[in-house]
Amino acid sequence: MSKKTRRRIGNALATGASTLIGILFFAPFAWMVSSSFKDISEIYDFPPKFIPQQIKWSNYADAWNALPFDIFFLNSAIVAVATTVGVILTCSLAGYSFARLRYPGRDKIFLAYLATMMIPFPVLMVPLFVIMKNLQLVDTLWSLILPAVFTPAGTFLMRQFILTLPRELEEAARVDGCGFFGIYWRIVLPLMKPVIATLAIFTFLGSWNEFLWPLISISSIDQKTLPLGLTMFQSRLSGRTPWNQVMASATFTIIPVLVLFILGQKYYVKGIVTTGIKG
């Protein structure tokens, strides 16, 4: 078998495997969208049918009006945007510090900071709740924002990207009189668009879908986020769970994240490819 033939077979197998994996990941999403247009009686049909007999657009209006989703959307947007901006600022500054500044114990501090990623979140829940309670931030959106703006994973991502930037640019700016923050703001930050987009997408997605910590920290309806709002279909609505409305609300919940990923896909891919390539 020639080398060209083996390459074609390998490409075909890789394409087939990627297609199969894509279908497996896309199938639950497609089923969710399909169920959002079904009548409640079709949800319980067996064997299940993928295509609804009659499309019910009213499921989306009923789901939106059943609970205060406008408040849930606003709260989730505030938390996700504020968390994303905070993470980008703190991680880019910390990453620049660990990558460029020289001070005693820098590498040891960085390794210790990375080691915190090995601590599972359930271990941190109780002390974190106590801190938020002492600060009188429990049952406020600040309790969701402040603990999330410091992340060792984001700092590592930023540091690895900054290591790939040529030092000559910073040295030239320093000769012209730029200080630490001037170089960071005018030179480094504009060059970090790919990794910023990557980190922004990860952070926004994680904050938008966060469930466990908001469940512990938030109790008031007017402070709940979308994941908590979705659970209210089961806990507060009478009778059996309206799964068609649950699927409808879940569908319009993921639209902002989907739009964000599509808009930042180019920078996201570029950031993943270039991060960690030092030279």
Protein backbone atom coordinates (compact mmCIF):
# COMPACT_ATOMS: atom_id res chain seq x y z
CA MET A 1 0.00 0.00 0.00
CA SER A 2 1.43 3.33 -1.06
CA LYS A 3 2.02 6.23 1.29
CA LYS A 4 -0.61 8.30 -0.51
CA THR A 5 -3.22 5.56 -0.09
CA ARG A 6 -2.45 5.18 3.61
CA ARG A 7 -2.82 8.94 4.03
CA ARG A 8 -6.22 8.89 2.33
CA ILE A 9 -7.40 6.02 4.52
CA GLY A 10 -6.16 7.79 7.62
CA ASN A 11 -7.92 11.02 6.62
CA ALA A 12 -11.13 9.11 5.92
CA LEU A 13 -11.01 7.36 9.30
CA ALA A 14 -10.28 10.63 11.09
CA THR A 15 -13.15 12.34 9.27
CA GLY A 16 -15.52 9.49 10.06
CA ALA A 17 -14.54 9.47 13.75
CA SER A 18 -14.90 13.26 13.99
CA THR A 19 -18.31 13.09 12.32
CA LEU A 20 -19.50 10.35 14.69
CA ILE A 21 -18.30 12.28 17.75
CA GLY A 22 -19.97 15.44 16.42
CA ILE A 23 -23.27 13.61 15.97
CA LEU A 24 -23.07 12.21 19.50
CA PHE A 25 -22.51 15.68 20.93
CA PHE A 26 -25.16 17.31 18.73
CA ALA A 27 -27.89 14.70 19.34
CA PRO A 28 -28.93 15.91 22.85
CA PHE A 29 -29.07 19.50 21.62
CA ALA A 30 -31.21 18.50 18.61
CA TRP A 31 -33.53 16.49 20.88
CA MET A 32 -33.90 19.47 23.21
CA VAL A 33 -34.90 21.77 20.35
CA SER A 34 -37.28 19.17 18.94
CA SER A 35 -38.94 18.63 22.34
CA SER A 36 -39.37 22.37 22.79
CA PHE A 37 -41.90 22.36 19.92
CA LYS A 38 -43.87 19.31 21.07
CA ASP A 39 -47.16 19.07 22.92
CA ILE A 40 -46.83 17.76 26.46
CA SER A 41 -48.55 14.51 25.45
CA GLU A 42 -45.88 13.84 22.80
CA ILE A 43 -43.12 14.16 25.38
CA TYR A 44 -44.28 10.92 27.03
CA ASP A 45 -44.87 8.98 23.79
CA PHE A 46 -43.18 5.59 23.49
CA PRO A 47 -41.39 4.88 21.29
CA PRO A 48 -40.29 8.53 21.25
CA LYS A 49 -40.60 10.54 18.04
CA PHE A 50 -38.00 13.08 17.01
CA ILE A 51 -40.20 15.23 14.78
CA PRO A 52 -43.30 16.68 16.52
CA GLN A 53 -46.67 16.03 14.91
CA GLN A 54 -47.64 19.67 15.36
CA ILE A 55 -45.19 22.48 16.05
CA LYS A 56 -46.22 24.49 19.11
CA TRP A 57 -44.51 27.86 19.02
CA SER A 58 -46.55 28.82 22.06
CA ASN A 59 -44.24 26.72 24.26
CA TYR A 60 -41.66 29.51 24.16
CA ALA A 61 -44.15 32.19 25.17
CA ASP A 62 -45.64 29.98 27.87
CA ALA A 63 -42.19 29.18 29.25
CA TRP A 64 -41.17 32.84 29.27
CA ASN A 65 -44.37 33.91 31.05
CA ALA A 66 -44.46 31.01 33.52
CA LEU A 67 -41.50 32.40 35.47
CA PRO A 68 -39.75 35.81 35.59
CA PHE A 69 -37.17 34.89 32.96
CA ASP A 70 -36.50 38.54 32.21
CA ILE A 71 -35.06 38.87 35.71
CA PHE A 72 -33.15 35.60 35.40
CA PHE A 73 -31.66 36.71 32.06
CA LEU A 74 -30.63 40.08 33.46
CA ASN A 75 -29.02 38.52 36.53
CA SER A 76 -27.13 35.94 34.47
CA ALA A 77 -25.96 38.63 32.04
CA ILE A 78 -24.72 40.87 34.85
CA VAL A 79 -22.88 38.04 36.58
CA ALA A 80 -21.39 36.60 33.38
CA VAL A 81 -20.23 39.95 31.95
CA ALA A 82 -18.84 41.22 35.26
CA THR A 83 -17.06 37.92 35.92
CA THR A 84 -15.60 37.84 32.42
CA VAL A 85 -14.27 41.39 32.62
CA GLY A 86 -12.86 40.76 36.10
CA VAL A 87 -11.16 37.54 35.06
CA ILE A 88 -9.55 39.15 32.02
CA LEU A 89 -8.18 42.04 34.10
CA THR A 90 -6.90 39.99 37.04
CA CYS A 91 -5.52 37.10 34.98
CA SER A 92 -3.81 39.32 32.40
CA LEU A 93 -2.13 41.38 35.14
CA ALA A 94 -1.09 38.29 37.09
CA GLY A 95 0.04 36.52 33.93
CA TYR A 96 2.14 39.53 32.91
CA SER A 97 3.66 39.66 36.38
CA PHE A 98 4.60 35.97 36.38
CA ALA A 99 5.89 36.10 32.80
CA ARG A 100 7.93 39.33 32.79
CA LEU A 101 8.66 40.71 36.25
CA ARG A 102 11.58 39.40 38.28
CA TYR A 103 11.20 39.18 42.05
CA PRO A 104 12.18 36.68 44.76
CA GLY A 105 10.03 33.55 44.83
CA ARG A 106 8.15 34.37 41.63
CA ASP A 107 8.18 30.83 40.23
CA LYS A 108 7.37 29.26 43.60
CA ILE A 109 4.42 31.61 44.06
CA PHE A 110 3.22 30.72 40.56
CA LEU A 111 3.45 26.98 41.25
CA ALA A 112 1.65 27.40 44.56
CA TYR A 113 -1.09 29.37 42.81
CA LEU A 114 -1.46 26.66 40.17
CA ALA A 115 -1.63 24.02 42.89
CA THR A 116 -4.91 25.53 44.08
CA MET A 117 -6.54 24.08 40.96
CA MET A 118 -6.20 20.66 42.60
CA ILE A 119 -8.53 21.66 45.45
CA PRO A 120 -12.09 20.50 44.61
CA PHE A 121 -14.78 23.13 44.87
CA PRO A 122 -16.90 21.20 47.44
CA VAL A 123 -14.01 21.63 49.87
CA LEU A 124 -14.16 25.41 49.39
CA MET A 125 -17.92 25.86 49.60
CA VAL A 126 -18.23 26.16 53.37
CA PRO A 127 -15.35 28.62 53.95
CA LEU A 128 -16.42 30.60 50.89
CA PHE A 129 -19.98 30.84 52.20
CA VAL A 130 -18.69 31.97 55.60
CA ILE A 131 -16.59 34.69 53.95
CA MET A 132 -19.52 35.91 51.88
CA LYS A 133 -21.74 35.88 54.98
CA ASN A 134 -19.23 37.92 56.98
CA LEU A 135 -19.05 40.41 54.11
CA GLN A 136 -22.87 40.49 54.04
CA LEU A 137 -22.89 39.48 50.39
CA VAL A 138 -24.95 36.29 50.64
CA ASP A 139 -28.05 36.37 48.43
CA THR A 140 -26.56 39.10 46.24
CA LEU A 141 -25.02 38.96 42.79
CA TRP A 142 -21.69 40.05 44.28
CA SER A 143 -21.42 36.65 45.96
CA LEU A 144 -21.40 35.10 42.49
CA ILE A 145 -19.02 37.61 40.91
CA LEU A 146 -16.22 38.20 43.42
CA PRO A 147 -15.16 34.56 44.06
CA ALA A 148 -15.02 33.90 40.32
CA VAL A 149 -12.79 36.76 39.15
CA PHE A 150 -9.59 35.06 40.36
CA THR A 151 -8.71 31.87 38.54
CA PRO A 152 -5.33 30.09 38.34
CA ALA A 153 -6.27 28.45 35.04
CA GLY A 154 -6.81 31.84 33.40
CA THR A 155 -3.57 33.16 34.86
CA PHE A 156 -1.69 30.16 33.47
CA LEU A 157 -3.27 30.69 30.05
CA MET A 158 -2.29 34.37 30.03
CA ARG A 159 1.25 33.72 31.25
CA GLN A 160 1.91 31.09 28.61
CA PHE A 161 0.71 33.42 25.87
CA ILE A 162 2.75 36.38 27.12
CA LEU A 163 5.87 34.20 27.07
CA THR A 164 5.45 33.92 23.29
CA LEU A 165 5.54 37.71 22.81
CA PRO A 166 8.90 39.24 21.81
CA ARG A 167 10.59 41.16 24.60
CA GLU A 168 11.96 43.71 22.12
CA LEU A 169 8.56 45.45 21.96
CA GLU A 170 8.50 45.99 25.71
CA GLU A 171 12.14 47.05 25.83
CA ALA A 172 11.52 49.66 23.13
CA ALA A 173 8.52 50.98 25.05
CA ARG A 174 10.57 51.10 28.25
CA VAL A 175 13.25 53.15 26.48
CA ASP A 176 10.51 55.60 25.45
CA GLY A 177 9.54 56.04 29.10
CA CYS A 178 6.70 53.56 29.54
CA GLY A 179 6.29 52.03 32.98
CA PHE A 180 4.86 48.67 34.00
CA PHE A 181 1.20 49.59 33.53
CA GLY A 182 1.94 51.59 30.38
CA ILE A 183 3.61 48.60 28.73
CA TYR A 184 0.81 46.32 29.91
CA TRP A 185 -1.98 48.58 28.66
CA ARG A 186 -0.45 49.85 25.41
CA ILE A 187 1.75 46.97 24.26
CA VAL A 188 0.86 43.65 25.87
CA LEU A 189 -2.90 43.85 26.18
CA PRO A 190 -3.59 44.72 22.49
CA LEU A 191 -1.45 41.74 21.43
CA MET A 192 -3.43 39.36 23.63
CA LYS A 193 -6.70 39.46 21.69
CA PRO A 194 -6.66 35.72 20.79
CA VAL A 195 -6.07 34.49 24.33
CA ILE A 196 -8.44 37.11 25.76
CA ALA A 197 -11.19 35.85 23.45
CA THR A 198 -10.44 32.27 24.45
CA LEU A 199 -10.53 33.05 28.16
CA ALA A 200 -13.61 35.25 27.74
CA ILE A 201 -15.55 32.44 26.06
CA PHE A 202 -14.54 29.89 28.71
CA THR A 203 -15.34 32.29 31.55
CA PHE A 204 -18.65 33.51 30.14
CA LEU A 205 -19.79 29.96 29.43
CA GLY A 206 -18.80 28.74 32.89
CA SER A 207 -20.45 31.68 34.64
CA TRP A 208 -23.61 31.46 32.52
CA ASN A 209 -24.05 27.76 33.32
CA GLU A 210 -22.91 27.82 36.96
CA PHE A 211 -25.41 26.05 39.18
CA LEU A 212 -23.93 24.67 42.40
CA TRP A 213 -22.56 27.86 43.97
CA PRO A 214 -25.60 30.02 43.05
CA LEU A 215 -27.81 27.29 44.52
CA ILE A 216 -25.97 27.67 47.85
CA SER A 217 -25.55 31.45 47.83
CA ILE A 218 -28.83 32.69 46.31
CA SER A 219 -32.30 32.24 47.81
CA SER A 220 -34.35 35.24 46.61
CA ILE A 221 -36.21 34.92 43.34
CA ASP A 222 -35.13 38.37 42.17
CA GLN A 223 -31.46 37.34 42.53
CA LYS A 224 -31.68 33.96 40.80
CA THR A 225 -29.85 33.20 37.58
CA LEU A 226 -31.06 31.14 34.62
CA PRO A 227 -29.85 27.69 35.82
CA LEU A 228 -31.69 28.23 39.10
CA GLY A 229 -34.74 29.51 37.24
CA LEU A 230 -34.92 26.34 35.17
CA THR A 231 -35.16 24.20 38.30
CA MET A 232 -38.20 26.19 39.43
CA PHE A 233 -40.30 24.45 36.76
CA GLN A 234 -40.12 21.34 38.92
CA SER A 235 -40.18 22.89 42.38
CA ARG A 236 -42.85 25.58 42.05
CA LEU A 237 -45.20 24.70 39.20
CA SER A 238 -48.17 22.50 40.11
CA GLY A 239 -48.81 19.13 38.52
CA ARG A 240 -46.32 17.20 36.44
CA THR A 241 -43.28 18.97 35.05
CA PRO A 242 -44.01 20.69 31.70
CA TRP A 243 -40.99 19.28 29.93
CA ASN A 244 -41.85 20.96 26.65
CA GLN A 245 -41.60 24.34 28.37
CA VAL A 246 -38.44 23.27 30.17
CA MET A 247 -36.87 22.39 26.81
CA ALA A 248 -38.07 25.67 25.33
CA SER A 249 -36.56 27.70 28.18
CA ALA A 250 -33.33 25.70 27.96
CA THR A 251 -33.17 26.43 24.23
CA PHE A 252 -33.42 30.21 24.52
CA THR A 253 -31.04 30.07 27.51
CA ILE A 254 -28.13 28.82 25.39
CA ILE A 255 -28.62 31.34 22.57
CA PRO A 256 -26.35 34.07 24.11
CA VAL A 257 -23.52 31.57 24.62
CA LEU A 258 -23.92 30.24 21.09
CA VAL A 259 -23.81 33.74 19.62
CA LEU A 260 -20.72 34.60 21.68
CA PHE A 261 -18.90 31.48 20.52
CA ILE A 262 -19.72 32.13 16.86
CA LEU A 263 -18.50 35.73 17.08
CA GLY A 264 -15.28 34.80 18.88
CA GLN A 265 -14.56 31.52 17.11
CA LYS A 266 -11.68 32.89 15.03
CA TYR A 267 -9.86 34.30 18.05
CA TYR A 268 -10.78 31.25 20.12
CA VAL A 269 -9.09 28.83 17.71
CA LYS A 270 -6.08 31.10 17.30
CA GLY A 271 -5.70 31.44 21.07
CA ILE A 272 -5.84 27.66 21.59
CA VAL A 273 -3.24 27.07 18.85
CA THR A 274 -0.73 29.71 19.95
CA THR A 275 -0.99 29.43 23.75
CA GLY A 276 1.93 27.51 25.20
CA ILE A 277 4.19 27.82 22.13
CA LYS A 278 7.22 29.56 23.55
CA GLY A 279 9.79 30.99 21.16
